[in-house]
């Protein structure tokens, strides 16, 4: 049997947070978040039951091979009415019979049906009357031990419905295992994306705080210049408007942090009420590590590791089993029947068992049976329909393969573009910082106005935000590329052990 169990990030590390407790005041790394989600995410905990249920179904399917024991016993009393013989009434006879039947029967994987039975083991005691109305007691006992075997010779010999049904259950067990792998990959990717989004939101708060500080500093300087008459009051109003706008941006950024933090918490815990009041402090910094891409290698990973593609292959395999089941129904039912045993009969009950033990009354039989529906239209058309469905699934698998290749190609190109965008936005931010510093010096020397300084402050804030977004988009594109390749476990060094 095959079952999935998580090791690596689950077994190698101690639990980060106990269920029902708020997050500890600590810095959470991406690895910590992934581990926490794998342990406590509710969606994943639900999904983990599917392979278990499929395993129970498979084990239950083997129950058809369990031998069946049957035993029955009965006591019967009979009394007949009076009869007339030459005008004289003769009392009716009376009998009492104890009878027993017992059997052990079952089915074997190659279609053989067997049965070992103790049949009609009875012991009868009674009383009848002769013509002189004399009571005549009597007793009789009998029974037999029989072995019956029925063996299919064509239909149901090897490709019998029972074996094929078990094959379907095995296929569905593997399918649910791949479904669990898919759900784990999706969860890990969602956690990673939520982590980067929250990290970017925290960085954006810092950018907005810096923008507010620049605006307030300029406002303070403009007020001093207005007081000494070196600057028009309009410049002070412009600076005030800029500071108020930056304050609003900071409030919006802080609210966005709270929303994204809740989104990440929802993935990490099964008790949001306990976590709702806590704060997630994320460790590390956003960076853009250089990564080399190989399209052929990525295609190979995607077509060998992606759970959805492996599930599609299992669906095709299942349909192949259905074809075998329907093809089996095309054949005539030809059964060989053999059997035999030993009988016993005696006035006494113990004598019957003695006869059987001595094997003095053997019997046997053999023969055959042929069954075939004339025309057999139902089976023939079911077989044709299953072959057509197999062709459909083949084409669907081919289309999925093509879709995966296109998705991976697009993901690689997006990651490459996002990496280049990181470099471009970094340069834009550096140029914006230099331009603002130069313009501020010109303002101090009276060669510029606060209008241009305010404009360059906005440009710097936008450039810093663009750089953060470029970094996040690059990190996100790497996570999505790994998901497209089916390499999410490899990316996060997560091992899945199959038992």
Protein backbone atom coordinates (compact mmCIF):
# COMPACT_ATOMS: atom_id res chain seq x y z
CA UNK A 1 0.00 0.00 0.00
CA UNK A 2 1.10 3.54 -0.62
CA UNK A 3 0.50 6.45 1.72
CA UNK A 4 1.97 9.94 1.80
CA UNK A 5 3.69 11.24 4.92
CA UNK A 6 5.45 14.55 5.31
CA UNK A 7 9.06 14.53 6.43
CA UNK A 8 11.78 17.12 6.02
CA UNK A 9 10.23 20.40 7.08
CA UNK A 10 7.70 18.62 9.30
CA UNK A 11 9.89 16.02 10.97
CA UNK A 12 13.21 17.82 11.06
CA UNK A 13 11.91 20.87 12.89
CA UNK A 14 10.00 21.14 16.14
CA UNK A 15 6.53 22.70 15.98
CA UNK A 16 6.79 26.45 15.64
CA UNK A 17 3.50 27.30 17.31
CA UNK A 18 1.06 25.15 19.21
CA UNK A 19 -2.51 24.96 18.02
CA UNK A 20 -4.76 27.57 19.47
CA UNK A 21 -1.95 29.88 20.55
CA UNK A 22 -1.10 33.30 19.11
CA UNK A 23 2.17 33.60 17.18
CA UNK A 24 5.18 34.18 19.40
CA UNK A 25 6.87 37.59 19.17
CA UNK A 26 9.63 36.55 16.80
CA UNK A 27 10.79 37.07 13.26
CA UNK A 28 9.20 34.59 10.88
CA UNK A 29 11.21 33.31 7.96
CA UNK A 30 9.63 31.88 4.82
CA UNK A 31 10.65 28.39 5.95
CA UNK A 32 8.89 28.93 9.29
CA UNK A 33 5.71 29.97 7.54
CA UNK A 34 5.78 27.00 5.17
CA UNK A 35 6.29 24.57 8.04
CA UNK A 36 3.49 26.15 10.06
CA UNK A 37 1.09 25.93 7.12
CA UNK A 38 1.93 22.27 6.47
CA UNK A 39 1.09 21.43 10.05
CA UNK A 40 -2.02 23.50 10.71
CA UNK A 41 -3.62 24.64 7.45
CA UNK A 42 -7.25 23.51 7.50
CA UNK A 43 -7.56 22.91 3.75
CA UNK A 44 -4.55 20.62 3.82
CA UNK A 45 -5.80 18.76 6.86
CA UNK A 46 -9.03 18.05 4.99
CA UNK A 47 -7.17 16.94 1.85
CA UNK A 48 -5.04 14.49 3.85
CA UNK A 49 -8.13 12.33 4.45
CA UNK A 50 -8.61 11.58 0.74
CA UNK A 51 -5.72 9.09 0.40
CA UNK A 52 -6.79 7.51 3.68
CA UNK A 53 -10.35 7.07 2.40
CA UNK A 54 -9.05 5.68 -0.90
CA UNK A 55 -6.90 3.20 1.02
CA UNK A 56 -9.92 2.01 3.01
CA UNK A 57 -11.85 1.55 -0.24
CA UNK A 58 -9.00 -0.50 -1.69
CA UNK A 59 -8.73 -2.70 1.38
CA UNK A 60 -12.49 -3.14 1.34
CA UNK A 61 -12.34 -4.30 -2.29
CA UNK A 62 -10.12 -7.21 -1.24
CA UNK A 63 -12.94 -8.33 1.07
CA UNK A 64 -14.56 -10.14 -1.85
CA UNK A 65 -11.87 -12.82 -1.40
CA UNK A 66 -12.71 -13.39 2.26
CA UNK A 67 -14.15 -16.89 2.82
CA UNK A 68 -17.80 -16.95 3.84
CA UNK A 69 -18.86 -19.26 6.65
CA UNK A 70 -22.48 -20.26 6.97
CA UNK A 71 -24.24 -22.45 9.49
CA UNK A 72 -27.93 -23.22 9.96
CA UNK A 73 -29.89 -25.59 12.20
CA UNK A 74 -33.56 -26.50 12.50
CA UNK A 75 -35.86 -28.65 14.60
CA UNK A 76 -39.08 -29.78 12.90
CA UNK A 77 -42.12 -31.52 14.39
CA UNK A 78 -44.79 -33.15 12.18
CA UNK A 79 -47.95 -35.03 13.12
CA UNK A 80 -50.30 -36.48 10.51
CA UNK A 81 -54.04 -36.95 10.97
CA UNK A 82 -55.89 -40.26 11.39
CA UNK A 83 -56.51 -42.55 8.42
CA UNK A 84 -59.03 -45.36 7.83
CA UNK A 85 -58.03 -48.90 6.95
CA UNK A 86 -60.90 -51.28 6.20
CA UNK A 87 -63.14 -49.01 8.17
CA UNK A 88 -60.87 -48.93 11.17
CA UNK A 89 -59.21 -45.66 12.25
CA UNK A 90 -55.46 -45.71 12.44
CA UNK A 91 -53.71 -42.90 14.39
CA UNK A 92 -51.52 -40.53 12.33
CA UNK A 93 -47.75 -40.79 12.41
CA UNK A 94 -45.51 -38.36 14.27
CA UNK A 95 -41.94 -37.32 13.39
CA UNK A 96 -39.30 -35.01 14.88
CA UNK A 97 -36.29 -34.02 12.78
CA UNK A 98 -33.10 -32.14 13.67
CA UNK A 99 -31.24 -30.91 10.59
CA UNK A 100 -28.03 -28.93 10.08
CA UNK A 101 -26.23 -27.32 7.16
CA UNK A 102 -22.82 -25.69 7.18
CA UNK A 103 -20.57 -24.34 4.43
CA UNK A 104 -17.34 -22.48 3.76
CA UNK A 105 -17.28 -20.76 0.35
CA UNK A 106 -15.35 -18.09 -1.43
CA UNK A 107 -13.82 -16.62 -4.57
CA UNK A 108 -10.21 -16.76 -5.77
CA UNK A 109 -8.41 -14.05 -7.81
CA UNK A 110 -8.58 -16.08 -11.06
CA UNK A 111 -12.36 -16.38 -10.89
CA UNK A 112 -12.57 -19.74 -9.15
CA UNK A 113 -15.61 -20.22 -6.94
CA UNK A 114 -15.29 -22.90 -4.29
CA UNK A 115 -17.47 -24.32 -1.57
CA UNK A 116 -16.95 -26.92 1.12
CA UNK A 117 -20.23 -27.83 2.76
CA UNK A 118 -21.83 -30.21 5.18
CA UNK A 119 -25.23 -30.75 3.58
CA UNK A 120 -28.54 -31.99 4.96
CA UNK A 121 -27.15 -33.54 8.09
CA UNK A 122 -30.37 -34.75 9.74
CA UNK A 123 -31.59 -37.02 12.49
CA UNK A 124 -35.25 -38.06 12.45
CA UNK A 125 -37.21 -39.86 15.18
CA UNK A 126 -40.83 -40.80 14.72
CA UNK A 127 -43.69 -43.17 15.38
CA UNK A 128 -46.13 -44.76 12.93
CA UNK A 129 -48.86 -47.37 13.30
CA UNK A 130 -49.53 -50.63 11.46
CA UNK A 131 -52.93 -51.96 10.45
CA UNK A 132 -53.34 -53.48 13.87
CA UNK A 133 -52.84 -50.04 15.37
CA UNK A 134 -49.53 -51.11 16.89
CA UNK A 135 -47.06 -48.25 17.39
CA UNK A 136 -43.82 -48.72 15.47
CA UNK A 137 -40.98 -46.31 16.42
CA UNK A 138 -38.40 -45.54 13.79
CA UNK A 139 -35.35 -43.30 13.26
CA UNK A 140 -33.23 -42.28 10.28
CA UNK A 141 -30.13 -40.11 9.79
CA UNK A 142 -28.20 -38.93 6.77
CA UNK A 143 -25.95 -36.24 5.35
CA UNK A 144 -22.95 -35.57 3.14
CA UNK A 145 -19.73 -33.60 2.86
CA UNK A 146 -19.36 -31.92 -0.53
CA UNK A 147 -16.64 -29.92 -2.28
CA UNK A 148 -17.85 -27.79 -5.23
CA UNK A 149 -15.54 -25.91 -7.63
CA UNK A 150 -16.58 -23.73 -10.58
CA UNK A 151 -13.79 -22.48 -12.81
CA UNK A 152 -14.35 -19.95 -15.66
CA UNK A 153 -12.42 -20.95 -18.77
CA UNK A 154 -12.85 -17.86 -20.99
CA UNK A 155 -14.85 -14.97 -19.53
CA UNK A 156 -13.79 -13.99 -15.99
CA UNK A 157 -10.75 -16.27 -16.03
CA UNK A 158 -8.05 -13.61 -15.68
CA UNK A 159 -9.67 -10.30 -16.53
CA UNK A 160 -12.55 -10.77 -14.15
CA UNK A 161 -14.51 -7.79 -12.79
CA UNK A 162 -13.22 -8.30 -9.25
CA UNK A 163 -9.56 -8.06 -10.19
CA UNK A 164 -10.23 -5.10 -12.45
CA UNK A 165 -12.23 -3.32 -9.74
CA UNK A 166 -9.30 -3.70 -7.37
CA UNK A 167 -7.03 -2.31 -10.09
CA UNK A 168 -9.32 0.74 -10.32
CA UNK A 169 -9.14 1.27 -6.56
CA UNK A 170 -5.33 1.06 -6.69
CA UNK A 171 -5.37 3.62 -9.47
CA UNK A 172 -7.63 5.95 -7.47
CA UNK A 173 -5.37 5.63 -4.42
CA UNK A 174 -2.44 6.85 -6.49
CA UNK A 175 -4.68 9.58 -7.91
CA UNK A 176 -5.59 10.88 -4.44
CA UNK A 177 -1.92 10.80 -3.43
CA UNK A 178 -1.11 13.02 -6.38
CA UNK A 179 -4.06 15.21 -5.42
CA UNK A 180 -2.53 15.61 -1.97
CA UNK A 181 0.82 16.49 -3.52
CA UNK A 182 -0.92 19.06 -5.70
CA UNK A 183 -2.69 20.60 -2.71
CA UNK A 184 0.60 20.77 -0.77
CA UNK A 185 2.33 22.43 -3.72
CA UNK A 186 -0.50 24.92 -4.08
CA UNK A 187 -0.44 25.68 -0.37
CA UNK A 188 3.32 26.17 -0.23
CA UNK A 189 3.15 28.47 -3.28
CA UNK A 190 0.29 30.46 -1.78
CA UNK A 191 2.20 30.85 1.47
CA UNK A 192 5.28 32.00 -0.44
CA UNK A 193 3.31 34.52 -2.49
CA UNK A 194 1.49 35.81 0.61
CA UNK A 195 4.82 36.08 2.41
CA UNK A 196 6.33 38.18 -0.39
CA UNK A 197 3.23 40.35 -0.62
CA UNK A 198 3.32 41.04 3.13
CA UNK A 199 7.05 41.66 2.99
CA UNK A 200 6.53 44.16 0.18
CA UNK A 201 3.72 45.81 2.14
CA UNK A 202 6.05 46.30 5.11
CA UNK A 203 8.68 47.77 2.81
CA UNK A 204 6.09 50.05 1.26
CA UNK A 205 5.20 51.37 4.73
CA UNK A 206 8.85 52.29 5.16
CA UNK A 207 8.82 54.04 1.79
CA UNK A 208 5.71 56.00 2.72
CA UNK A 209 7.18 56.89 6.10
CA UNK A 210 10.30 58.17 4.38
CA UNK A 211 8.16 60.13 1.91
CA UNK A 212 6.24 61.67 4.81
CA UNK A 213 9.46 62.62 6.54
CA UNK A 214 10.75 64.32 3.39
CA UNK A 215 7.46 66.19 2.97
CA UNK A 216 7.41 67.32 6.61
CA UNK A 217 11.04 68.40 6.45
CA UNK A 218 10.37 70.48 3.35
CA UNK A 219 7.24 71.94 5.00
CA UNK A 220 9.25 73.01 8.04
CA UNK A 221 11.94 74.60 5.86
CA UNK A 222 9.36 76.42 3.73
CA UNK A 223 7.67 77.82 6.82
CA UNK A 224 10.94 79.28 7.99
CA UNK A 225 11.56 80.83 4.58
CA UNK A 226 8.02 82.26 4.48
CA UNK A 227 8.51 83.78 7.91
CA UNK A 228 11.66 85.63 6.76
CA UNK A 229 10.04 86.59 3.46
CA UNK A 230 12.35 84.44 1.34
CA UNK A 231 9.51 82.34 0.00
CA UNK A 232 5.96 82.94 -1.13
CA UNK A 233 3.09 81.59 1.07
CA UNK A 234 1.93 79.49 -1.90
CA UNK A 235 5.03 77.30 -1.55
CA UNK A 236 4.12 76.63 2.07
CA UNK A 237 0.61 75.56 1.05
CA UNK A 238 2.01 73.24 -1.61
CA UNK A 239 4.27 71.62 0.99
CA UNK A 240 1.34 71.24 3.39
CA UNK A 241 -0.71 69.54 0.67
CA UNK A 242 2.21 67.23 -0.10
CA UNK A 243 2.58 66.29 3.60
CA UNK A 244 -1.14 65.61 3.95
CA UNK A 245 -1.12 63.41 0.83
CA UNK A 246 1.87 61.43 2.12
CA UNK A 247 0.10 60.98 5.47
CA UNK A 248 -2.90 59.51 3.65
CA UNK A 249 -0.61 57.21 1.65
CA UNK A 250 1.02 56.00 4.86
CA UNK A 251 -2.36 55.20 6.42
CA UNK A 252 -3.37 53.25 3.30
CA UNK A 253 -0.07 51.35 3.33
CA UNK A 254 -0.50 50.43 7.00
CA UNK A 255 -4.03 49.19 6.35
CA UNK A 256 -2.75 47.09 3.45
CA UNK A 257 -0.25 45.48 5.81
CA UNK A 258 -3.08 44.45 8.14
CA UNK A 259 -5.10 42.94 5.28
CA UNK A 260 -2.17 40.98 3.85
CA UNK A 261 -1.14 39.85 7.32
CA UNK A 262 -4.59 38.35 7.83
CA UNK A 263 -4.33 36.61 4.46
CA UNK A 264 -1.08 34.97 5.53
CA UNK A 265 -2.41 34.08 8.99
CA UNK A 266 -5.38 32.35 7.40
CA UNK A 267 -2.98 30.01 5.62
CA UNK A 268 -0.90 29.33 8.73
CA UNK A 269 -3.39 28.53 11.46
CA UNK A 270 -6.55 26.60 12.24
CA UNK A 271 -7.46 29.03 15.04
CA UNK A 272 -7.62 32.52 13.59
CA UNK A 273 -9.32 33.87 16.71
CA UNK A 274 -6.14 33.23 18.71
CA UNK A 275 -3.88 34.60 15.98
CA UNK A 276 -5.98 37.60 15.06
CA UNK A 277 -4.48 39.86 17.71
CA UNK A 278 -0.89 38.86 17.04
CA UNK A 279 1.55 40.49 14.64
CA UNK A 280 3.73 38.67 12.14
CA UNK A 281 7.20 40.10 11.96
CA UNK A 282 8.97 38.79 8.86
CA UNK A 283 12.70 38.20 8.75
CA UNK A 284 15.10 38.66 5.88
CA UNK A 285 15.21 41.19 3.09
CA UNK A 286 13.90 41.29 -0.44
CA UNK A 287 16.67 40.55 -2.89
CA UNK A 288 16.97 39.35 -6.46
CA UNK A 289 19.31 36.39 -6.68
CA UNK A 290 20.43 35.54 -10.19
CA UNK A 291 18.96 32.32 -11.46
CA UNK A 292 19.81 30.49 -14.67
CA UNK A 293 17.00 28.91 -16.65
CA UNK A 294 17.01 25.83 -18.87
CA UNK A 295 13.82 25.42 -20.85
CA UNK A 296 14.38 21.75 -21.73
CA UNK A 297 15.16 20.88 -18.11
CA UNK A 298 12.08 22.76 -16.95
CA UNK A 299 9.90 20.94 -19.49
CA UNK A 300 11.28 17.61 -18.30
CA UNK A 301 10.45 18.49 -14.70
CA UNK A 302 6.96 19.62 -15.56
CA UNK A 303 6.12 16.42 -17.47
CA UNK A 304 7.48 14.12 -14.77
CA UNK A 305 6.73 15.92 -11.51
CA UNK A 306 3.52 17.90 -11.89
CA UNK A 307 0.74 16.13 -9.95
CA UNK A 308 -2.00 17.25 -12.36
CA UNK A 309 -0.13 15.70 -15.29
CA UNK A 310 0.47 12.49 -13.33
CA UNK A 311 -3.23 12.46 -12.42
CA UNK A 312 -4.13 12.79 -16.09
CA UNK A 313 -1.93 9.78 -16.82
CA UNK A 314 -3.70 7.86 -14.06
CA UNK A 315 -7.06 8.83 -15.56
CA UNK A 316 -5.90 7.41 -18.88
CA UNK A 317 -4.71 4.26 -17.12
CA UNK A 318 -8.08 3.93 -15.38
CA UNK A 319 -9.87 4.17 -18.70
CA UNK A 320 -7.62 1.40 -19.98
CA UNK A 321 -8.86 -0.74 -17.11
CA UNK A 322 -12.45 0.09 -18.05
CA UNK A 323 -11.71 -1.11 -21.59
CA UNK A 324 -10.48 -4.43 -20.18
CA UNK A 325 -13.62 -4.76 -18.07
CA UNK A 326 -15.86 -4.14 -21.08
CA UNK A 327 -13.80 -6.40 -23.33
CA UNK A 328 -14.21 -9.21 -20.79
CA UNK A 329 -17.98 -8.93 -21.26
CA UNK A 330 -17.64 -9.75 -24.98
CA UNK A 331 -16.62 -13.35 -24.30
CA UNK A 332 -18.99 -16.25 -23.68
CA UNK A 333 -19.29 -17.55 -20.13
CA UNK A 334 -17.81 -21.07 -20.19
CA UNK A 335 -17.54 -22.66 -16.75
CA UNK A 336 -16.08 -25.97 -15.71
CA UNK A 337 -17.91 -27.48 -12.76
CA UNK A 338 -16.45 -30.29 -10.68
CA UNK A 339 -17.28 -31.61 -7.27
CA UNK A 340 -17.66 -34.58 -5.08
CA UNK A 341 -17.76 -35.84 -1.55
CA UNK A 342 -18.91 -38.53 0.78
CA UNK A 343 -22.36 -39.36 2.04
CA UNK A 344 -23.58 -41.22 5.06
CA UNK A 345 -26.86 -42.77 6.18
CA UNK A 346 -27.74 -44.73 9.27
CA UNK A 347 -30.54 -45.21 11.75
CA UNK A 348 -28.35 -43.45 14.32
CA UNK A 349 -26.92 -39.97 14.09
CA UNK A 350 -23.42 -41.11 15.05
CA UNK A 351 -23.52 -43.71 12.31
CA UNK A 352 -23.82 -41.01 9.64
CA UNK A 353 -20.64 -39.30 10.79
CA UNK A 354 -18.98 -42.70 10.90
CA UNK A 355 -19.96 -43.45 7.31
CA UNK A 356 -18.57 -40.10 6.19
CA UNK A 357 -15.37 -40.68 8.13
CA UNK A 358 -14.97 -44.13 6.60
CA UNK A 359 -15.64 -42.69 3.13
CA UNK A 360 -17.81 -45.69 2.26
CA UNK A 361 -20.34 -43.77 0.11
CA UNK A 362 -18.31 -41.57 -2.29
CA UNK A 363 -19.79 -39.56 -5.12
CA UNK A 364 -18.48 -37.07 -7.68
CA UNK A 365 -19.59 -35.09 -10.70
CA UNK A 366 -18.10 -32.95 -13.46
CA UNK A 367 -19.54 -30.95 -16.29
CA UNK A 368 -19.70 -27.58 -17.94
CA UNK A 369 -21.98 -24.66 -18.67
CA UNK A 370 -22.09 -22.20 -21.54
CA UNK A 371 -23.87 -18.84 -21.28
CA UNK A 372 -23.87 -16.21 -24.01
CA UNK A 373 -26.41 -13.46 -24.78
CA UNK A 374 -27.36 -13.64 -28.45
CA UNK A 375 -26.34 -10.42 -30.18
CA UNK A 376 -24.57 -9.12 -27.06
CA UNK A 377 -25.23 -5.55 -28.23
CA UNK A 378 -24.95 -3.99 -24.80
CA UNK A 379 -21.43 -5.35 -24.20
CA UNK A 380 -20.22 -4.56 -27.72
CA UNK A 381 -21.36 -0.94 -27.58
CA UNK A 382 -20.03 -0.43 -24.07
CA UNK A 383 -16.65 -1.66 -25.29
CA UNK A 384 -16.73 0.73 -28.27
CA UNK A 385 -17.73 3.65 -26.04
CA UNK A 386 -14.89 2.93 -23.60
CA UNK A 387 -12.38 2.88 -26.48
CA UNK A 388 -13.72 6.21 -27.73
CA UNK A 389 -13.40 7.67 -24.22
CA UNK A 390 -9.81 6.39 -24.10
CA UNK A 391 -9.04 8.26 -27.32
CA UNK A 392 -10.58 11.43 -25.84
CA UNK A 393 -8.42 11.16 -22.73
CA UNK A 394 -5.34 10.58 -24.84
CA UNK A 395 -5.97 13.83 -26.68
CA UNK A 396 -6.72 15.63 -23.39
CA UNK A 397 -3.40 14.38 -22.01
CA UNK A 398 -1.60 15.62 -25.11
CA UNK A 399 -3.28 19.01 -24.78
CA UNK A 400 -2.35 19.21 -21.09
CA UNK A 401 1.25 18.39 -22.02
CA UNK A 402 1.26 21.23 -24.54
CA UNK A 403 -0.38 23.62 -22.05
CA UNK A 404 2.26 22.78 -19.44
CA UNK A 405 5.08 23.45 -21.90
CA UNK A 406 3.58 26.80 -22.89
CA UNK A 407 2.98 27.71 -19.23
CA UNK A 408 6.58 26.91 -18.31
CA UNK A 409 7.95 28.83 -21.30
CA UNK A 410 5.87 31.86 -20.34
CA UNK A 411 6.91 31.55 -16.69
CA UNK A 412 10.61 31.50 -17.60
CA UNK A 413 10.27 34.52 -19.85
CA UNK A 414 8.35 36.37 -17.14
CA UNK A 415 11.03 35.57 -14.55
CA UNK A 416 13.77 36.76 -16.90
CA UNK A 417 11.89 39.97 -17.65
CA UNK A 418 11.21 40.60 -13.95
CA UNK A 419 14.89 40.14 -13.13
CA UNK A 420 15.83 42.73 -15.73
CA UNK A 421 13.10 44.99 -14.38
CA UNK A 422 14.66 44.79 -10.91
CA UNK A 423 17.91 46.23 -12.27
CA UNK A 424 16.10 48.94 -14.19
CA UNK A 425 13.98 50.04 -11.22
CA UNK A 426 17.03 50.06 -8.96
CA UNK A 427 18.81 52.44 -11.32
CA UNK A 428 15.66 54.57 -11.58
CA UNK A 429 15.51 54.82 -7.78
CA UNK A 430 19.19 55.79 -7.58
CA UNK A 431 18.72 58.45 -10.25
CA UNK A 432 15.63 59.77 -8.43
CA UNK A 433 17.57 60.04 -5.17
CA UNK A 434 20.38 61.91 -6.89
CA UNK A 435 17.94 64.25 -8.69
CA UNK A 436 16.14 65.10 -5.45
CA UNK A 437 19.38 65.79 -3.61
CA UNK A 438 20.53 68.11 -6.41
CA UNK A 439 17.19 69.92 -6.55
CA UNK A 440 17.18 70.43 -2.78
CA UNK A 441 20.61 72.09 -3.00
CA UNK A 442 19.30 74.34 -5.76
CA UNK A 443 16.32 75.22 -3.57
CA UNK A 444 18.60 76.09 -0.67
CA UNK A 445 20.61 78.37 -2.94
CA UNK A 446 17.47 79.99 -4.30
CA UNK A 447 17.84 78.56 -7.80
CA UNK A 448 14.73 76.36 -7.64
CA UNK A 449 11.25 76.30 -6.18
CA UNK A 450 9.53 73.94 -3.82
CA UNK A 451 7.26 72.87 -6.68
CA UNK A 452 10.12 71.03 -8.39
CA UNK A 453 11.33 69.60 -5.10
CA UNK A 454 7.85 68.28 -4.35
CA UNK A 455 7.66 66.74 -7.81
CA UNK A 456 11.01 65.00 -7.36
CA UNK A 457 9.94 63.75 -3.93
CA UNK A 458 6.91 62.13 -5.53
CA UNK A 459 9.14 60.69 -8.25
CA UNK A 460 11.47 59.22 -5.62
CA UNK A 461 8.59 57.66 -3.69
CA UNK A 462 7.22 56.14 -6.90
CA UNK A 463 10.70 54.87 -7.87
CA UNK A 464 11.17 53.21 -4.48
CA UNK A 465 7.73 51.60 -4.72
CA UNK A 466 8.49 50.41 -8.25
CA UNK A 467 11.73 48.81 -7.07
CA UNK A 468 9.94 46.98 -4.27
CA UNK A 469 7.24 45.76 -6.66
CA UNK A 470 9.87 44.61 -9.15
CA UNK A 471 11.64 42.61 -6.42
CA UNK A 472 8.37 41.06 -5.29
CA UNK A 473 7.27 40.24 -8.83
CA UNK A 474 10.60 38.54 -9.49
CA UNK A 475 10.30 36.45 -6.32
CA UNK A 476 6.71 35.63 -7.20
CA UNK A 477 7.65 34.63 -10.73
CA UNK A 478 10.26 32.19 -9.37
CA UNK A 479 7.66 30.65 -7.06
CA UNK A 480 5.15 30.32 -9.91
CA UNK A 481 7.81 28.87 -12.20
CA UNK A 482 8.59 26.20 -9.59
CA UNK A 483 4.88 25.43 -9.35
CA UNK A 484 4.63 25.16 -13.15
CA UNK A 485 7.58 22.75 -13.15
CA UNK A 486 6.22 20.74 -10.22
CA UNK A 487 9.46 21.62 -8.42
CA UNK A 488 7.98 23.41 -5.41
CA UNK A 489 9.19 20.71 -3.00
CA UNK A 490 12.67 20.90 -4.46
CA UNK A 491 12.65 24.69 -4.17
CA UNK A 492 11.76 24.54 -0.47
CA UNK A 493 13.69 21.33 0.29
CA UNK A 494 10.58 19.45 1.31
CA UNK A 495 10.71 15.66 1.14
CA UNK A 496 7.65 13.51 0.64
CA UNK A 497 8.06 9.90 1.67
CA UNK A 498 5.71 7.40 0.05
CA UNK A 499 4.85 4.36 2.16
